[in-house]
């Protein structure tokens, strides 16, 4: 899913993506090794290890993907920052907000 924001429960886990299709030139690709995906909680404290599973970081065409996991409602809204670096050394950034809520 390529979203600007989404909501999940603490137990849930799935892959989210940032879509850079409109930014890439013909033949330009996202470089997985140099691209980063990080997260902070609502206080601005690093939360990458808490809510992102880096094992699942991937590139699928113009999508930079990561698996989200866990999270705490008290620390929501989380901001996930996707920073894509391409084979042409262009840099693009997209922020996605994740709210954790017990239903």
N, C-alpha and C. Protein backbone atom coordinates (compact mmCIF):
# COMPACT_ATOMS: atom_id res chain seq x y z
N UNK A 1 0.83 -1.18 0.00
CA UNK A 1 0.00 0.00 0.00
C UNK A 1 0.88 1.24 0.00
N UNK A 2 0.56 2.21 -0.80
CA UNK A 2 1.28 3.47 -0.87
C UNK A 2 0.37 4.54 -0.28
N UNK A 3 0.67 5.00 0.91
CA UNK A 3 -0.24 5.86 1.65
C UNK A 3 0.48 7.10 2.18
N UNK A 4 -0.28 8.16 2.45
CA UNK A 4 0.26 9.33 3.14
C UNK A 4 0.06 9.19 4.64
N UNK A 5 -0.98 8.45 5.05
CA UNK A 5 -1.20 8.16 6.46
C UNK A 5 -2.07 6.91 6.57
N UNK A 6 -1.95 6.24 7.72
CA UNK A 6 -2.76 5.05 7.95
C UNK A 6 -2.85 4.78 9.44
N UNK A 7 -3.76 3.91 9.80
CA UNK A 7 -3.99 3.53 11.19
C UNK A 7 -3.85 2.03 11.32
N UNK A 8 -3.27 1.59 12.44
CA UNK A 8 -3.15 0.16 12.70
C UNK A 8 -3.27 -0.10 14.19
N UNK A 9 -3.50 -1.36 14.54
CA UNK A 9 -3.47 -1.80 15.93
C UNK A 9 -2.07 -2.32 16.24
N UNK A 10 -1.67 -2.34 17.51
CA UNK A 10 -0.31 -2.75 17.86
C UNK A 10 0.11 -4.12 17.32
N UNK A 11 -0.80 -5.07 17.29
CA UNK A 11 -0.48 -6.43 16.83
C UNK A 11 -0.24 -6.50 15.32
N UNK A 12 -0.88 -5.65 14.57
CA UNK A 12 -0.86 -5.75 13.11
C UNK A 12 0.51 -5.44 12.52
N UNK A 13 0.79 -6.09 11.38
CA UNK A 13 2.04 -5.89 10.66
C UNK A 13 1.80 -6.11 9.17
N UNK A 14 2.25 -5.16 8.36
CA UNK A 14 2.14 -5.31 6.92
C UNK A 14 3.12 -4.38 6.23
N UNK A 15 3.26 -4.52 4.92
CA UNK A 15 4.20 -3.71 4.15
C UNK A 15 3.52 -2.42 3.70
N UNK A 16 4.22 -1.30 3.90
CA UNK A 16 3.79 0.00 3.40
C UNK A 16 4.86 0.51 2.45
N UNK A 17 4.47 1.45 1.61
CA UNK A 17 5.41 1.92 0.59
C UNK A 17 5.25 3.40 0.32
N UNK A 18 6.34 4.00 -0.11
CA UNK A 18 6.33 5.37 -0.63
C UNK A 18 6.49 5.25 -2.14
N UNK A 19 5.62 5.95 -2.86
CA UNK A 19 5.60 5.87 -4.32
C UNK A 19 6.32 7.09 -4.90
N UNK A 20 7.44 6.84 -5.57
CA UNK A 20 8.25 7.91 -6.16
C UNK A 20 8.11 7.95 -7.69
N UNK A 21 7.06 7.35 -8.21
CA UNK A 21 6.85 7.25 -9.65
C UNK A 21 6.88 8.61 -10.35
N UNK A 22 6.26 9.60 -9.77
CA UNK A 22 6.21 10.92 -10.41
C UNK A 22 7.54 11.66 -10.36
N UNK A 23 8.48 11.18 -9.53
CA UNK A 23 9.78 11.84 -9.39
C UNK A 23 10.85 11.26 -10.32
N UNK A 24 10.70 10.00 -10.70
CA UNK A 24 11.76 9.31 -11.45
C UNK A 24 11.71 9.61 -12.93
N UNK A 25 12.90 9.82 -13.51
CA UNK A 25 13.04 9.99 -14.96
C UNK A 25 13.01 8.61 -15.62
N UNK A 26 12.83 8.58 -16.92
CA UNK A 26 12.86 7.33 -17.66
C UNK A 26 14.21 6.66 -17.45
N UNK A 27 14.20 5.40 -17.04
CA UNK A 27 15.42 4.65 -16.80
C UNK A 27 16.03 4.85 -15.43
N UNK A 28 15.48 5.76 -14.65
CA UNK A 28 15.99 6.02 -13.30
C UNK A 28 15.40 5.00 -12.33
N UNK A 29 16.22 4.50 -11.42
CA UNK A 29 15.77 3.50 -10.46
C UNK A 29 16.20 3.89 -9.05
N UNK A 30 15.46 3.40 -8.07
CA UNK A 30 15.80 3.62 -6.67
C UNK A 30 16.87 2.61 -6.28
N UNK A 31 17.91 3.08 -5.58
CA UNK A 31 18.98 2.22 -5.12
C UNK A 31 18.71 1.78 -3.69
N UNK A 32 18.47 0.50 -3.49
CA UNK A 32 18.09 -0.03 -2.18
C UNK A 32 19.17 0.23 -1.13
N UNK A 33 20.42 0.00 -1.47
CA UNK A 33 21.51 0.06 -0.50
C UNK A 33 21.69 1.44 0.11
N UNK A 34 21.44 2.50 -0.65
CA UNK A 34 21.67 3.85 -0.15
C UNK A 34 20.40 4.56 0.31
N UNK A 35 19.25 4.03 -0.01
CA UNK A 35 17.99 4.61 0.43
C UNK A 35 17.72 4.22 1.88
N UNK A 36 17.04 5.11 2.63
CA UNK A 36 16.80 4.85 4.04
C UNK A 36 15.32 5.03 4.38
N UNK A 37 14.89 4.32 5.42
CA UNK A 37 13.54 4.47 5.95
C UNK A 37 13.69 4.52 7.46
N UNK A 38 13.26 5.63 8.06
CA UNK A 38 13.40 5.83 9.49
C UNK A 38 12.05 6.25 10.08
N UNK A 39 11.97 6.22 11.41
CA UNK A 39 10.73 6.61 12.08
C UNK A 39 11.02 7.33 13.38
N UNK A 40 10.11 8.26 13.72
CA UNK A 40 10.13 8.92 15.03
C UNK A 40 8.72 8.89 15.60
N UNK A 41 8.63 8.92 16.94
CA UNK A 41 7.32 8.99 17.57
C UNK A 41 6.87 10.44 17.68
N UNK A 42 5.75 10.68 18.32
CA UNK A 42 5.19 12.04 18.35
C UNK A 42 6.06 13.03 19.11
N UNK A 43 6.93 12.54 19.98
CA UNK A 43 7.86 13.41 20.72
C UNK A 43 9.13 13.68 19.93
N UNK A 44 9.27 13.02 18.77
CA UNK A 44 10.48 13.18 17.96
C UNK A 44 11.59 12.22 18.32
N UNK A 45 11.29 11.25 19.17
CA UNK A 45 12.27 10.24 19.58
C UNK A 45 12.37 9.14 18.52
N UNK A 46 13.58 8.71 18.23
CA UNK A 46 13.79 7.66 17.24
C UNK A 46 12.96 6.42 17.59
N UNK A 47 12.24 5.90 16.58
CA UNK A 47 11.38 4.72 16.79
C UNK A 47 11.57 3.70 15.68
N UNK A 48 12.64 3.84 14.91
CA UNK A 48 12.86 2.96 13.76
C UNK A 48 12.85 1.49 14.16
N UNK A 49 13.62 1.13 15.17
CA UNK A 49 13.70 -0.28 15.59
C UNK A 49 12.39 -0.77 16.19
N UNK A 50 11.60 0.15 16.74
CA UNK A 50 10.36 -0.24 17.40
C UNK A 50 9.23 -0.55 16.42
N UNK A 51 9.17 0.16 15.29
CA UNK A 51 8.00 -0.01 14.41
C UNK A 51 8.32 -0.43 12.98
N UNK A 52 9.61 -0.50 12.61
CA UNK A 52 9.97 -0.89 11.25
C UNK A 52 10.82 -2.16 11.26
N UNK A 53 10.49 -3.09 10.39
CA UNK A 53 11.28 -4.32 10.25
C UNK A 53 12.17 -4.16 9.03
N UNK A 54 13.43 -3.77 9.25
CA UNK A 54 14.36 -3.46 8.16
C UNK A 54 14.68 -4.67 7.29
N UNK A 55 14.42 -5.87 7.78
CA UNK A 55 14.65 -7.08 6.98
C UNK A 55 13.78 -7.03 5.71
N UNK A 56 12.64 -6.37 5.82
CA UNK A 56 11.69 -6.32 4.70
C UNK A 56 11.82 -5.05 3.86
N UNK A 57 12.85 -4.25 4.07
CA UNK A 57 13.07 -3.07 3.23
C UNK A 57 13.33 -3.55 1.81
N UNK A 58 12.62 -2.95 0.84
CA UNK A 58 12.75 -3.41 -0.53
C UNK A 58 12.39 -2.29 -1.50
N UNK A 59 12.81 -2.49 -2.74
CA UNK A 59 12.41 -1.62 -3.85
C UNK A 59 11.61 -2.48 -4.81
N UNK A 60 10.46 -1.95 -5.22
CA UNK A 60 9.61 -2.62 -6.20
C UNK A 60 9.22 -1.57 -7.23
N UNK A 61 10.00 -1.47 -8.29
CA UNK A 61 9.77 -0.43 -9.29
C UNK A 61 10.02 0.94 -8.68
N UNK A 62 9.00 1.79 -8.63
CA UNK A 62 9.13 3.14 -8.06
C UNK A 62 8.74 3.18 -6.59
N UNK A 63 8.49 2.01 -5.99
CA UNK A 63 8.08 1.94 -4.59
C UNK A 63 9.25 1.58 -3.69
N UNK A 64 9.44 2.35 -2.62
CA UNK A 64 10.38 2.00 -1.56
C UNK A 64 9.52 1.47 -0.42
N UNK A 65 9.75 0.21 -0.01
CA UNK A 65 8.84 -0.50 0.88
C UNK A 65 9.49 -0.89 2.19
N UNK A 66 8.64 -1.04 3.22
CA UNK A 66 9.09 -1.51 4.54
C UNK A 66 7.91 -2.17 5.25
N UNK A 67 8.21 -3.12 6.10
CA UNK A 67 7.16 -3.73 6.93
C UNK A 67 7.05 -2.95 8.23
N UNK A 68 5.81 -2.55 8.59
CA UNK A 68 5.56 -1.90 9.88
C UNK A 68 5.13 -2.96 10.87
N UNK A 69 5.42 -2.70 12.15
CA UNK A 69 5.11 -3.66 13.21
C UNK A 69 4.85 -2.89 14.50
N UNK A 70 4.23 -3.53 15.43
CA UNK A 70 4.08 -3.06 16.81
C UNK A 70 3.59 -1.62 16.90
N UNK A 71 4.21 -0.83 17.77
CA UNK A 71 3.80 0.54 18.03
C UNK A 71 2.95 0.62 19.28
N UNK A 72 2.89 1.81 19.84
CA UNK A 72 2.15 2.07 21.07
C UNK A 72 1.22 3.25 20.85
N UNK A 73 -0.03 3.10 21.22
CA UNK A 73 -1.00 4.17 21.03
C UNK A 73 -0.55 5.46 21.72
N UNK A 74 0.05 5.35 22.90
CA UNK A 74 0.48 6.53 23.65
C UNK A 74 1.57 7.32 22.93
N UNK A 75 2.31 6.67 22.03
CA UNK A 75 3.41 7.34 21.31
C UNK A 75 3.01 7.77 19.91
N UNK A 76 1.79 7.46 19.48
CA UNK A 76 1.30 7.84 18.16
C UNK A 76 1.09 9.35 18.14
N UNK A 77 1.26 9.99 17.09
CA UNK A 77 1.40 9.66 15.70
C UNK A 77 2.88 9.44 15.39
N UNK A 78 3.20 8.34 14.72
CA UNK A 78 4.56 8.09 14.27
C UNK A 78 4.74 8.70 12.88
N UNK A 79 5.94 9.20 12.62
CA UNK A 79 6.26 9.69 11.28
C UNK A 79 7.34 8.78 10.69
N UNK A 80 7.02 8.17 9.55
CA UNK A 80 7.96 7.31 8.84
C UNK A 80 8.48 8.12 7.65
N UNK A 81 9.81 8.25 7.57
CA UNK A 81 10.43 9.03 6.50
C UNK A 81 11.14 8.11 5.53
N UNK A 82 10.68 8.15 4.28
CA UNK A 82 11.29 7.38 3.19
C UNK A 82 12.22 8.32 2.43
N UNK A 83 13.50 7.99 2.36
CA UNK A 83 14.47 8.79 1.60
C UNK A 83 15.06 7.90 0.52
N UNK A 84 14.67 8.20 -0.70
CA UNK A 84 15.12 7.41 -1.85
C UNK A 84 16.29 8.10 -2.53
N UNK A 85 17.31 7.33 -2.83
CA UNK A 85 18.44 7.79 -3.63
C UNK A 85 18.47 6.93 -4.88
N UNK A 86 18.62 7.57 -6.03
CA UNK A 86 18.51 6.85 -7.29
C UNK A 86 19.88 6.56 -7.92
N UNK A 87 19.83 5.77 -8.98
CA UNK A 87 21.04 5.45 -9.74
C UNK A 87 21.63 6.69 -10.41
N UNK A 88 20.88 7.79 -10.48
CA UNK A 88 21.37 9.05 -11.05
C UNK A 88 21.77 10.03 -9.94
N UNK A 89 21.84 9.54 -8.70
CA UNK A 89 22.21 10.31 -7.51
C UNK A 89 21.18 11.37 -7.13
N UNK A 90 19.96 11.26 -7.65
CA UNK A 90 18.88 12.15 -7.22
C UNK A 90 18.36 11.65 -5.88
N UNK A 91 17.88 12.59 -5.06
CA UNK A 91 17.37 12.26 -3.73
C UNK A 91 15.94 12.76 -3.61
N UNK A 92 15.06 11.88 -3.11
CA UNK A 92 13.65 12.22 -2.93
C UNK A 92 13.22 11.77 -1.54
N UNK A 93 12.25 12.49 -0.95
CA UNK A 93 11.79 12.18 0.39
C UNK A 93 10.27 12.23 0.46
N UNK A 94 9.71 11.30 1.22
CA UNK A 94 8.27 11.26 1.46
C UNK A 94 8.02 10.83 2.89
N UNK A 95 7.15 11.55 3.59
CA UNK A 95 6.78 11.20 4.96
C UNK A 95 5.40 10.55 4.97
N UNK A 96 5.27 9.51 5.79
CA UNK A 96 4.01 8.80 5.97
C UNK A 96 3.72 8.77 7.47
N UNK A 97 2.50 9.10 7.86
CA UNK A 97 2.12 9.08 9.27
C UNK A 97 1.40 7.79 9.61
N UNK A 98 1.79 7.22 10.76
CA UNK A 98 1.18 5.98 11.23
C UNK A 98 0.59 6.20 12.62
N UNK A 99 -0.69 5.98 12.74
CA UNK A 99 -1.37 6.08 14.03
C UNK A 99 -1.62 4.67 14.56
N UNK A 100 -1.24 4.43 15.80
CA UNK A 100 -1.50 3.16 16.44
C UNK A 100 -2.66 3.37 17.41
N UNK A 101 -3.67 2.54 17.27
CA UNK A 101 -4.88 2.72 18.08
C UNK A 101 -5.46 1.37 18.44
N UNK A 102 -5.82 1.21 19.69
CA UNK A 102 -6.53 0.01 20.13
C UNK A 102 -8.01 0.21 19.83
N UNK A 103 -8.61 -0.71 19.12
CA UNK A 103 -10.05 -0.61 18.79
C UNK A 103 -10.87 -1.39 19.76
